[in-house]
């Protein structure tokens, strides 16, 4: 659980710092994508944390697994968008 929280914090700080740099250079569109990415990443992370806690309750394990499957897919998508954001930001900031 601590790993999920730290992962969310890393994505938050990287996206915000990169977004600020992009805003200063005039690329508000990519900066906005960074804001969306960290928010999606945070929502997925919080759902994973809640499902992990729910899995500890004997009668709710199946419900936690059912919710966790689409969340894992959304987390994968968020991770891919995060990489795309970092790639586009690095291209723009190197100009």
Protein backbone atom coordinates (compact mmCIF):
# COMPACT_ATOMS: atom_id res chain seq x y z
CA UNK A 1 0.00 0.00 0.00
CA UNK A 2 2.86 2.34 0.75
CA UNK A 3 4.27 1.63 -2.71
CA UNK A 4 1.00 2.74 -4.34
CA UNK A 5 0.98 5.98 -2.34
CA UNK A 6 4.61 6.71 -3.19
CA UNK A 7 3.96 5.95 -6.86
CA UNK A 8 1.07 8.42 -6.92
CA UNK A 9 3.26 11.04 -5.25
CA UNK A 10 6.04 10.54 -7.82
CA UNK A 11 3.64 10.89 -10.75
CA UNK A 12 2.04 13.96 -9.14
CA UNK A 13 5.33 15.77 -8.58
CA UNK A 14 6.79 14.89 -11.98
CA UNK A 15 3.62 15.91 -13.85
CA UNK A 16 3.26 19.16 -11.92
CA UNK A 17 6.91 20.18 -12.28
CA UNK A 18 6.92 19.28 -15.96
CA UNK A 19 3.61 21.04 -16.46
CA UNK A 20 4.97 24.23 -14.89
CA UNK A 21 7.98 24.14 -17.21
CA UNK A 22 5.71 23.57 -20.20
CA UNK A 23 3.46 26.46 -19.18
CA UNK A 24 6.47 28.78 -18.95
CA UNK A 25 7.52 27.76 -22.46
CA UNK A 26 3.98 28.24 -23.78
CA UNK A 27 2.74 24.65 -24.25
CA UNK A 28 -0.41 24.69 -22.16
CA UNK A 29 -2.00 21.82 -24.12
CA UNK A 30 0.64 19.28 -23.10
CA UNK A 31 0.66 20.69 -19.55
CA UNK A 32 -3.10 20.09 -19.31
CA UNK A 33 -2.58 16.48 -20.42
CA UNK A 34 -0.10 16.08 -17.57
CA UNK A 35 -2.72 17.28 -15.10
CA UNK A 36 -5.22 14.78 -16.47
CA UNK A 37 -2.67 11.96 -16.31
CA UNK A 38 -1.76 12.42 -12.66
CA UNK A 39 -5.43 12.74 -11.67
CA UNK A 40 -6.32 9.52 -13.50
CA UNK A 41 -3.29 7.82 -11.96
CA UNK A 42 -4.34 9.02 -8.49
CA UNK A 43 -7.93 7.81 -8.89
CA UNK A 44 -6.76 4.38 -10.04
CA UNK A 45 -4.29 4.22 -7.16
CA UNK A 46 -6.95 5.12 -4.59
CA UNK A 47 -9.30 2.46 -5.99
CA UNK A 48 -6.49 -0.10 -5.74
CA UNK A 49 -5.91 0.91 -2.11
CA UNK A 50 -9.62 0.60 -1.28
CA UNK A 51 -9.85 -2.77 -3.02
CA UNK A 52 -6.77 -3.98 -1.14
CA UNK A 53 -8.44 -3.08 2.14
CA UNK A 54 -11.73 -4.64 1.01
CA UNK A 55 -9.89 -7.86 0.15
CA UNK A 56 -9.09 -8.25 3.84
CA UNK A 57 -12.81 -8.61 4.62
CA UNK A 58 -13.87 -12.24 4.02
CA UNK A 59 -17.24 -11.63 2.30
CA UNK A 60 -16.06 -8.83 0.04
CA UNK A 61 -13.10 -10.47 -1.68
CA UNK A 62 -15.02 -11.25 -4.88
CA UNK A 63 -16.38 -7.70 -5.12
CA UNK A 64 -12.88 -6.31 -4.65
CA UNK A 65 -11.58 -8.55 -7.44
CA UNK A 66 -14.39 -7.52 -9.79
CA UNK A 67 -13.63 -3.83 -9.21
CA UNK A 68 -9.88 -4.37 -9.39
CA UNK A 69 -9.87 -5.84 -12.92
CA UNK A 70 -11.14 -2.72 -14.76
CA UNK A 71 -9.02 -0.57 -12.46
CA UNK A 72 -5.92 -2.51 -13.48
CA UNK A 73 -6.76 -1.86 -17.13
CA UNK A 74 -7.31 1.85 -16.42
CA UNK A 75 -4.00 1.95 -14.54
CA UNK A 76 -2.25 0.45 -17.56
CA UNK A 77 -3.80 3.10 -19.80
CA UNK A 78 -2.81 5.83 -17.33
CA UNK A 79 0.76 4.53 -17.31
CA UNK A 80 0.89 4.61 -21.11
CA UNK A 81 -0.51 8.15 -21.18
CA UNK A 82 2.08 9.11 -18.55
CA UNK A 83 4.87 7.85 -20.79
CA UNK A 84 3.42 9.66 -23.79
CA UNK A 85 3.15 12.86 -21.74
CA UNK A 86 6.77 12.58 -20.65
CA UNK A 87 7.89 11.90 -24.23
CA UNK A 88 6.02 14.89 -25.65
CA UNK A 89 7.19 17.12 -22.82
CA UNK A 90 10.81 16.10 -23.32
CA UNK A 91 10.55 16.82 -27.05
CA UNK A 92 9.06 20.26 -26.41
CA UNK A 93 11.45 21.18 -23.60
CA UNK A 94 14.51 20.24 -25.64
CA UNK A 95 13.62 22.78 -28.33
